[in-house]
Amino acid sequence: MCELSDKIMDRLEQTELFQAASCIALYHAIPGEVQTAGFIEKWYQKKKLLLPLIVGDDLRLLLYEGPESLKPGPFGILEPKADGIEVPKNEIDLIIVPGVAFDKDKNRMGRGRGFYDRLLSTLNAPKVGICFGLQMIPQVPVEPFDKKMDYVITEDTIY
């Protein structure tokens, strides 16, 4: 999975969207997701990287300031400490989103709690889903509140 994750993140780095972005929201991965830890360490001193903090039923995006700024969250996912710096949402240039599955129409299946759909409804930046090719399915079931990605990147393709 690490090698495939590296290919996906390399493909992301080559996009104009990434190269032009100075403030990027992304996530710290759990097992089975595209791994982002190496990417975060590589870029956090060159670009503003924001990571989600779970607060009730919502996600707050806080500035990543190094490994010491993280703690394990309620699902065992590393997240920023609550006293982290919140960046205004209009400064976010790009959003990198995990998912259980995606389809070629750029629909995303999350884990069912709606955290990302609620967050994405408040942001205007381009949304890029990242996943392994085996997570691409013919059709993701879509609900009215689901947010479509602008792009989906796998180890082989950009949709």
C-alpha atoms as a PDB file:
ATOM      1  CA  MET A   1       0.000   0.000   0.000  1.00  0.00           C
ATOM      2  CA  CYS A   2       2.883   2.395   0.737  1.00  0.00           C
ATOM      3  CA  GLU A   3       4.272   2.135  -2.788  1.00  0.00           C
ATOM      4  CA  LEU A   4       0.831   2.767  -4.312  1.00  0.00           C
ATOM      5  CA  SER A   5       0.247   5.652  -1.902  1.00  0.00           C
ATOM      6  CA  ASP A   6       3.548   7.193  -3.011  1.00  0.00           C
ATOM      7  CA  LYS A   7       2.507   6.902  -6.678  1.00  0.00           C
ATOM      8  CA  ILE A   8      -0.815   8.599  -5.955  1.00  0.00           C
ATOM      9  CA  MET A   9       0.781  11.421  -3.985  1.00  0.00           C
ATOM     10  CA  ASP A  10       3.449  11.879  -6.701  1.00  0.00           C
ATOM     11  CA  ARG A  11       0.678  12.148  -9.297  1.00  0.00           C
ATOM     12  CA  LEU A  12      -1.041  14.777  -7.119  1.00  0.00           C
ATOM     13  CA  GLU A  13       2.203  16.761  -6.776  1.00  0.00           C
ATOM     14  CA  GLN A  14       2.487  16.952 -10.568  1.00  0.00           C
ATOM     15  CA  THR A  15      -0.898  18.640 -11.005  1.00  0.00           C
ATOM     16  CA  GLU A  16      -1.182  22.375 -11.617  1.00  0.00           C
ATOM     17  CA  LEU A  17      -3.778  22.510  -8.828  1.00  0.00           C
ATOM     18  CA  PHE A  18      -1.247  21.304  -6.275  1.00  0.00           C
ATOM     19  CA  GLN A  19       1.640  23.355  -7.612  1.00  0.00           C
ATOM     20  CA  ALA A  20      -0.414  26.574  -7.501  1.00  0.00           C
ATOM     21  CA  ALA A  21      -1.905  25.893  -4.056  1.00  0.00           C
ATOM     22  CA  SER A  22      -0.368  27.519  -0.999  1.00  0.00           C
ATOM     23  CA  CYS A  23      -2.956  26.258   1.525  1.00  0.00           C
ATOM     24  CA  ILE A  24      -4.119  22.636   1.316  1.00  0.00           C
ATOM     25  CA  ALA A  25      -6.593  20.750   3.485  1.00  0.00           C
ATOM     26  CA  LEU A  26      -5.977  17.020   3.714  1.00  0.00           C
ATOM     27  CA  TYR A  27      -6.142  14.170   6.224  1.00  0.00           C
ATOM     28  CA  HIS A  28      -4.027  11.799   8.283  1.00  0.00           C
ATOM     29  CA  ALA A  29      -4.787   8.315   6.940  1.00  0.00           C
ATOM     30  CA  ILE A  30      -6.126   5.260   8.696  1.00  0.00           C
ATOM     31  CA  PRO A  31      -5.251   1.732   7.485  1.00  0.00           C
ATOM     32  CA  GLY A  32      -6.737   1.053   4.050  1.00  0.00           C
ATOM     33  CA  GLU A  33      -6.618   4.696   2.943  1.00  0.00           C
ATOM     34  CA  VAL A  34      -4.003   6.366   0.773  1.00  0.00           C
ATOM     35  CA  GLN A  35      -1.205   7.077   3.234  1.00  0.00           C
ATOM     36  CA  THR A  36      -0.436  10.781   3.640  1.00  0.00           C
ATOM     37  CA  ALA A  37       2.076  10.960   6.524  1.00  0.00           C
ATOM     38  CA  GLY A  38       5.176  11.158   4.313  1.00  0.00           C
ATOM     39  CA  PHE A  39       3.515  13.750   2.076  1.00  0.00           C
ATOM     40  CA  ILE A  40       2.564  15.855   5.097  1.00  0.00           C
ATOM     41  CA  GLU A  41       6.117  15.785   6.454  1.00  0.00           C
ATOM     42  CA  LYS A  42       7.539  16.595   3.016  1.00  0.00           C
ATOM     43  CA  TRP A  43       5.348  19.657   2.414  1.00  0.00           C
ATOM     44  CA  TYR A  44       4.286  21.232   5.709  1.00  0.00           C
ATOM     45  CA  GLN A  45       7.194  23.672   5.820  1.00  0.00           C
ATOM     46  CA  LYS A  46       6.640  24.747   2.189  1.00  0.00           C
ATOM     47  CA  LYS A  47       2.840  25.044   2.086  1.00  0.00           C
ATOM     48  CA  LYS A  48       0.153  25.570   4.717  1.00  0.00           C
ATOM     49  CA  LEU A  49      -1.300  22.132   5.411  1.00  0.00           C
ATOM     50  CA  LEU A  50      -4.553  21.841   7.319  1.00  0.00           C
ATOM     51  CA  LEU A  51      -5.716  18.670   9.044  1.00  0.00           C
ATOM     52  CA  PRO A  52      -9.193  17.894  10.387  1.00  0.00           C
ATOM     53  CA  LEU A  53     -10.093  17.875  14.065  1.00  0.00           C
ATOM     54  CA  ILE A  54     -13.358  16.133  14.986  1.00  0.00           C
ATOM     55  CA  VAL A  55     -15.556  18.419  17.093  1.00  0.00           C
ATOM     56  CA  GLY A  56     -18.934  16.811  17.785  1.00  0.00           C
ATOM     57  CA  ASP A  57     -20.397  15.986  14.356  1.00  0.00           C
ATOM     58  CA  ASP A  58     -18.155  18.379  12.455  1.00  0.00           C
ATOM     59  CA  LEU A  59     -14.580  18.772  11.278  1.00  0.00           C
ATOM     60  CA  ARG A  60     -12.484  21.873  11.993  1.00  0.00           C
ATOM     61  CA  LEU A  61      -9.417  22.405   9.818  1.00  0.00           C
ATOM     62  CA  LEU A  62      -6.319  23.371  11.794  1.00  0.00           C
ATOM     63  CA  LEU A  63      -2.794  24.211  10.663  1.00  0.00           C
ATOM     64  CA  TYR A  64      -0.302  21.349  10.888  1.00  0.00           C
ATOM     65  CA  GLU A  65       2.807  22.599  12.684  1.00  0.00           C
ATOM     66  CA  GLY A  66       4.775  19.365  13.010  1.00  0.00           C
ATOM     67  CA  PRO A  67       4.373  15.959  14.675  1.00  0.00           C
ATOM     68  CA  GLU A  68       4.205  17.490  18.160  1.00  0.00           C
ATOM     69  CA  SER A  69       1.004  19.339  17.160  1.00  0.00           C
ATOM     70  CA  LEU A  70      -0.937  16.041  16.791  1.00  0.00           C
ATOM     71  CA  LYS A  71      -2.798  13.747  19.160  1.00  0.00           C
ATOM     72  CA  PRO A  72      -4.862  10.572  18.621  1.00  0.00           C
ATOM     73  CA  GLY A  73      -8.509  11.455  17.981  1.00  0.00           C
ATOM     74  CA  PRO A  74     -11.705   9.545  18.825  1.00  0.00           C
ATOM     75  CA  PHE A  75     -11.231   7.031  15.988  1.00  0.00           C
ATOM     76  CA  GLY A  76      -7.501   6.609  16.591  1.00  0.00           C
ATOM     77  CA  ILE A  77      -6.711   8.999  13.734  1.00  0.00           C
ATOM     78  CA  LEU A  78      -3.975  11.529  14.399  1.00  0.00           C
ATOM     79  CA  GLU A  79      -5.498  14.999  14.472  1.00  0.00           C
ATOM     80  CA  PRO A  80      -4.411  18.489  15.522  1.00  0.00           C
ATOM     81  CA  LYS A  81      -4.691  19.517  19.148  1.00  0.00           C
ATOM     82  CA  ALA A  82      -7.765  21.664  19.832  1.00  0.00           C
ATOM     83  CA  ASP A  83      -5.679  24.784  20.491  1.00  0.00           C
ATOM     84  CA  GLY A  84      -4.258  24.737  16.943  1.00  0.00           C
ATOM     85  CA  ILE A  85      -4.468  27.618  14.483  1.00  0.00           C
ATOM     86  CA  GLU A  86      -7.627  27.788  12.381  1.00  0.00           C
ATOM     87  CA  VAL A  87      -7.095  29.257   8.905  1.00  0.00           C
ATOM     88  CA  PRO A  88      -9.979  31.175   7.259  1.00  0.00           C
ATOM     89  CA  LYS A  89     -11.824  28.854   4.859  1.00  0.00           C
ATOM     90  CA  ASN A  90     -11.474  31.308   1.972  1.00  0.00           C
ATOM     91  CA  GLU A  91      -7.667  30.861   2.133  1.00  0.00           C
ATOM     92  CA  ILE A  92      -7.898  27.142   1.306  1.00  0.00           C
ATOM     93  CA  ASP A  93      -6.762  26.507  -2.281  1.00  0.00           C
ATOM     94  CA  LEU A  94      -7.188  22.732  -2.472  1.00  0.00           C
ATOM     95  CA  ILE A  95      -8.919  19.965  -0.516  1.00  0.00           C
ATOM     96  CA  ILE A  96      -7.619  16.372  -0.566  1.00  0.00           C
ATOM     97  CA  VAL A  97     -10.372  13.952   0.457  1.00  0.00           C
ATOM     98  CA  PRO A  98     -10.292  10.265   1.470  1.00  0.00           C
ATOM     99  CA  GLY A  99     -13.062   7.817   0.689  1.00  0.00           C
ATOM    100  CA  VAL A 100     -14.105   4.188   0.874  1.00  0.00           C
ATOM    101  CA  ALA A 101     -14.907   4.193  -2.866  1.00  0.00           C
ATOM    102  CA  PHE A 102     -15.199   6.561  -5.825  1.00  0.00           C
ATOM    103  CA  ASP A 103     -16.588   6.285  -9.350  1.00  0.00           C
ATOM    104  CA  LYS A 104     -15.591   7.804 -12.707  1.00  0.00           C
ATOM    105  CA  ASP A 105     -18.287  10.474 -12.287  1.00  0.00           C
ATOM    106  CA  LYS A 106     -16.270  11.648  -9.253  1.00  0.00           C
ATOM    107  CA  ASN A 107     -18.854  10.596  -6.691  1.00  0.00           C
ATOM    108  CA  ARG A 108     -17.458   9.627  -3.302  1.00  0.00           C
ATOM    109  CA  MET A 109     -18.550   7.078  -0.723  1.00  0.00           C
ATOM    110  CA  GLY A 110     -17.441   7.994   2.778  1.00  0.00           C
ATOM    111  CA  ARG A 111     -17.704   6.081   6.016  1.00  0.00           C
ATOM    112  CA  GLY A 112     -21.314   7.087   6.618  1.00  0.00           C
ATOM    113  CA  ARG A 113     -20.967   9.740   9.305  1.00  0.00           C
ATOM    114  CA  GLY A 114     -21.183  12.719   6.914  1.00  0.00           C
ATOM    115  CA  PHE A 115     -18.152  14.536   8.374  1.00  0.00           C
ATOM    116  CA  TYR A 116     -16.644  15.351   4.981  1.00  0.00           C
ATOM    117  CA  ASP A 117     -19.943  16.121   3.236  1.00  0.00           C
ATOM    118  CA  ARG A 118     -20.747  18.722   5.907  1.00  0.00           C
ATOM    119  CA  LEU A 119     -17.249  20.199   5.713  1.00  0.00           C
ATOM    120  CA  LEU A 120     -17.137  20.258   1.908  1.00  0.00           C
ATOM    121  CA  SER A 121     -20.464  22.096   1.740  1.00  0.00           C
ATOM    122  CA  THR A 122     -18.727  25.046   3.476  1.00  0.00           C
ATOM    123  CA  LEU A 123     -15.666  25.207   1.192  1.00  0.00           C
ATOM    124  CA  ASN A 124     -15.191  26.555  -2.336  1.00  0.00           C
ATOM    125  CA  ALA A 125     -11.736  25.165  -3.169  1.00  0.00           C
ATOM    126  CA  PRO A 126     -11.318  22.329  -5.689  1.00  0.00           C
ATOM    127  CA  LYS A 127     -11.942  18.901  -4.151  1.00  0.00           C
ATOM    128  CA  VAL A 128      -9.603  16.028  -5.065  1.00  0.00           C
ATOM    129  CA  GLY A 129     -10.441  12.511  -3.957  1.00  0.00           C
ATOM    130  CA  ILE A 130      -7.480  10.156  -3.674  1.00  0.00           C
ATOM    131  CA  CYS A 131      -7.831   6.386  -3.666  1.00  0.00           C
ATOM    132  CA  PHE A 132      -6.339   3.127  -4.840  1.00  0.00           C
ATOM    133  CA  GLY A 133      -7.506   1.845  -8.222  1.00  0.00           C
ATOM    134  CA  LEU A 134      -9.255  -1.071  -6.509  1.00  0.00           C
ATOM    135  CA  GLN A 135     -11.479   1.482  -4.729  1.00  0.00           C
ATOM    136  CA  MET A 136     -12.931   2.682  -8.044  1.00  0.00           C
ATOM    137  CA  ILE A 137     -16.358   1.119  -8.515  1.00  0.00           C
ATOM    138  CA  PRO A 138     -18.860   1.365 -11.398  1.00  0.00           C
ATOM    139  CA  GLN A 139     -21.335   3.549  -9.501  1.00  0.00           C
ATOM    140  CA  VAL A 140     -21.325   5.066  -6.028  1.00  0.00           C
ATOM    141  CA  PRO A 141     -24.831   5.338  -4.507  1.00  0.00           C
ATOM    142  CA  VAL A 142     -25.515   9.077  -4.234  1.00  0.00           C
ATOM    143  CA  GLU A 143     -27.638  10.956  -1.701  1.00  0.00           C
ATOM    144  CA  PRO A 144     -28.703  14.616  -2.150  1.00  0.00           C
ATOM    145  CA  PHE A 145     -26.238  15.819   0.521  1.00  0.00           C
ATOM    146  CA  ASP A 146     -23.218  13.966  -0.986  1.00  0.00           C
ATOM    147  CA  LYS A 147     -20.513  16.208  -2.416  1.00  0.00           C
ATOM    148  CA  LYS A 148     -18.945  15.306  -5.748  1.00  0.00           C
ATOM    149  CA  MET A 149     -15.193  15.627  -6.241  1.00  0.00           C
ATOM    150  CA  ASP A 150     -13.683  17.835  -8.932  1.00  0.00           C
ATOM    151  CA  TYR A 151     -11.010  15.192  -9.566  1.00  0.00           C
ATOM    152  CA  VAL A 152     -10.197  11.677  -8.394  1.00  0.00           C
ATOM    153  CA  ILE A 153      -6.583  10.480  -8.465  1.00  0.00           C
ATOM    154  CA  THR A 154      -5.484   6.838  -8.377  1.00  0.00           C
ATOM    155  CA  GLU A 155      -2.039   5.329  -8.863  1.00  0.00           C
ATOM    156  CA  ASP A 156      -2.749   5.076 -12.624  1.00  0.00           C
ATOM    157  CA  THR A 157      -5.216   7.791 -13.603  1.00  0.00           C
ATOM    158  CA  ILE A 158      -6.723  11.186 -12.923  1.00  0.00           C
ATOM    159  CA  TYR A 159     -10.495  11.299 -13.456  1.00  0.00           C
END
